[in-house]
C-alpha cells in the first residue's frame, strides 16, 4: 500500500518555493511578494484601509502597518482622509505605485501561468478549493 501524501509537509515546502519564485519574479521591480500583494489590494481609483490590507494578505494588523509604512516610504502609496469618515484613513496609489502595480500584475500573471501549466481547469479548481480550505481552517482557529 502506498504511503499517504504528507499534505502539510508538501504545502510548507510549496509555500517556501512559491515565495522564492514570487520574489525572484518581482526582483527587478524592487517589490517583495507581500508589497505587490498589498498594492493589488488597493484599487486603482479610490483607496483601501490598513485593515483591508491586513485581512486581504492574512497578516496581523501590526505587520500590515509596517508593510504600509514601507510602501509609503517608497512613495508607492499615500494616506488620505476618507471622505465618508473624516476619522478614517484610506491608502491610495501614487503614480509610481500604479506603475509598479501594473508591472507586478504582469509578472504575477506570468508566474500563475507557469505554476498551472500542465494542469487542467478542473485540477486547478481542486487545488484552489483545497488551498482555500486550509486558509479557512486557520481562520476558524483564530
Protein backbone atom coordinates (compact mmCIF):
# COMPACT_ATOMS: atom_id res chain seq x y z
CA UNK A 1 0.00 0.00 0.00
CA UNK A 2 1.37 3.40 -0.98
CA UNK A 3 2.03 5.89 1.78
CA UNK A 4 -0.46 8.71 2.14
CA UNK A 5 0.82 12.08 0.93
CA UNK A 6 2.08 14.32 3.72
CA UNK A 7 -0.04 17.29 2.70
CA UNK A 8 1.07 19.76 5.36
CA UNK A 9 4.72 18.97 4.70
CA UNK A 10 4.20 19.39 0.96
CA UNK A 11 2.25 22.60 1.49
CA UNK A 12 5.00 24.03 3.68
CA UNK A 13 7.66 23.24 1.07
CA UNK A 14 5.44 24.54 -1.73
CA UNK A 15 4.79 27.78 0.18
CA UNK A 16 8.54 28.39 0.54
CA UNK A 17 9.06 27.59 -3.16
CA UNK A 18 6.19 29.88 -4.19
CA UNK A 19 7.60 32.69 -2.04
CA UNK A 20 11.03 32.31 -3.66
CA UNK A 21 9.53 32.17 -7.17
CA UNK A 22 7.41 35.27 -6.49
CA UNK A 23 10.31 37.22 -5.01
CA UNK A 24 12.57 36.22 -7.93
CA UNK A 25 9.89 37.12 -10.46
CA UNK A 26 9.43 40.54 -8.89
CA UNK A 27 13.12 41.24 -8.17
CA UNK A 28 13.63 43.83 -10.91
CA UNK A 29 10.57 45.79 -9.73
CA UNK A 30 12.10 46.22 -6.28
CA UNK A 31 8.94 44.81 -4.72
CA UNK A 32 8.56 41.82 -2.44
CA UNK A 33 5.60 39.49 -2.93
CA UNK A 34 3.95 40.98 0.17
CA UNK A 35 4.40 44.53 -1.13
CA UNK A 36 2.97 43.60 -4.53
CA UNK A 37 0.07 41.84 -2.78
CA UNK A 38 -0.69 45.00 -0.82
CA UNK A 39 -0.61 47.11 -3.99
CA UNK A 40 -3.03 44.66 -5.64
CA UNK A 41 -5.49 45.22 -2.77
CA UNK A 42 -5.60 48.99 -3.30
CA UNK A 43 -7.95 49.87 -6.15
CA UNK A 44 -6.54 51.96 -9.00
CA UNK A 45 -9.17 54.60 -8.21
CA UNK A 46 -10.16 55.00 -4.60
CA UNK A 47 -8.43 53.53 -1.62
CA UNK A 48 -8.22 50.78 0.96
CA UNK A 49 -7.75 50.72 4.70
CA UNK A 50 -4.84 49.17 6.57
CA UNK A 51 -7.41 46.70 7.90
CA UNK A 52 -8.32 45.68 4.34
CA UNK A 53 -4.62 45.07 3.64
CA UNK A 54 -4.32 43.05 6.85
CA UNK A 55 -7.33 40.88 6.03
CA UNK A 56 -6.53 40.54 2.34
CA UNK A 57 -2.99 39.31 3.00
CA UNK A 58 -3.79 37.35 6.15
CA UNK A 59 -1.40 39.46 8.22
CA UNK A 60 -1.63 40.69 11.77
CA UNK A 61 -2.62 44.36 11.96
CA UNK A 62 0.86 45.28 13.22
CA UNK A 63 2.58 43.51 10.30
CA UNK A 64 0.23 45.20 7.82
CA UNK A 65 1.02 48.57 9.40
CA UNK A 66 4.77 48.01 8.95
CA UNK A 67 4.21 46.92 5.35
CA UNK A 68 2.13 50.04 4.68
CA UNK A 69 4.82 52.25 6.24
CA UNK A 70 7.41 50.75 3.88
CA UNK A 71 5.17 51.31 0.85
CA UNK A 72 4.60 54.88 1.95
CA UNK A 73 8.34 55.47 2.50
CA UNK A 74 8.94 54.17 -1.05
CA UNK A 75 6.38 56.70 -2.37
CA UNK A 76 4.13 53.93 -3.70
CA UNK A 77 1.10 54.87 -1.60
CA UNK A 78 -0.27 57.88 0.21
CA UNK A 79 -2.56 58.23 3.19
CA UNK A 80 -5.67 60.31 2.63
CA UNK A 81 -8.61 61.16 4.82
CA UNK A 82 -11.65 59.05 3.95
CA UNK A 83 -14.21 61.48 2.50
CA UNK A 84 -17.01 59.34 4.03
CA UNK A 85 -15.47 59.25 7.52
CA UNK A 86 -13.08 62.06 8.48
CA UNK A 87 -11.65 59.87 11.30
CA UNK A 88 -10.60 57.11 8.90
CA UNK A 89 -7.59 56.97 6.59
CA UNK A 90 -7.52 55.46 3.12
CA UNK A 91 -4.39 54.24 1.36
CA UNK A 92 -4.21 55.34 -2.26
CA UNK A 93 -1.73 54.52 -5.00
CA UNK A 94 0.70 57.16 -6.19
CA UNK A 95 1.56 57.42 -9.89
CA UNK A 96 4.69 55.38 -9.17
CA UNK A 97 2.62 52.87 -7.18
CA UNK A 98 0.17 52.43 -10.06
CA UNK A 99 3.05 51.87 -12.49
CA UNK A 100 4.77 49.27 -10.30
CA UNK A 101 1.43 47.61 -9.56
CA UNK A 102 0.85 47.18 -13.30
CA UNK A 103 4.32 45.67 -13.79
CA UNK A 104 3.83 43.37 -10.81
CA UNK A 105 0.43 42.27 -12.14
CA UNK A 106 2.03 41.25 -15.45
CA UNK A 107 4.64 39.25 -13.55
CA UNK A 108 2.01 37.64 -11.33
CA UNK A 109 0.08 36.59 -14.43
CA UNK A 110 3.23 35.03 -15.92
CA UNK A 111 4.05 33.23 -12.65
CA UNK A 112 0.48 31.93 -12.29
CA UNK A 113 0.55 30.68 -15.87
CA UNK A 114 3.82 28.84 -15.20
CA UNK A 115 2.52 27.44 -11.90
CA UNK A 116 -0.60 25.99 -13.52
CA UNK A 117 0.99 24.76 -16.74
CA UNK A 118 0.10 21.13 -17.35
CA UNK A 119 -2.94 21.19 -15.04
CA UNK A 120 -6.46 21.03 -16.46
CA UNK A 121 -9.02 23.59 -15.29
CA UNK A 122 -10.77 21.01 -13.09
CA UNK A 123 -7.45 20.10 -11.43
CA UNK A 124 -6.69 23.76 -10.82
CA UNK A 125 -10.14 24.18 -9.26
CA UNK A 126 -9.48 21.28 -6.85
CA UNK A 127 -6.11 22.72 -5.80
CA UNK A 128 -7.68 26.18 -5.30
CA UNK A 129 -10.52 24.65 -3.27
CA UNK A 130 -8.06 22.80 -1.03
CA UNK A 131 -5.87 25.87 -0.52
CA UNK A 132 -8.92 27.96 0.39
CA UNK A 133 -9.98 25.17 2.76
CA UNK A 134 -6.61 25.42 4.52
CA UNK A 135 -6.99 29.20 4.83
CA UNK A 136 -10.47 28.74 6.30
CA UNK A 137 -9.17 26.18 8.81
CA UNK A 138 -6.63 28.71 10.02
CA UNK A 139 -9.25 31.47 10.23
CA UNK A 140 -11.63 29.20 12.16
CA UNK A 141 -8.89 28.72 14.78
CA UNK A 142 -8.40 32.48 15.21
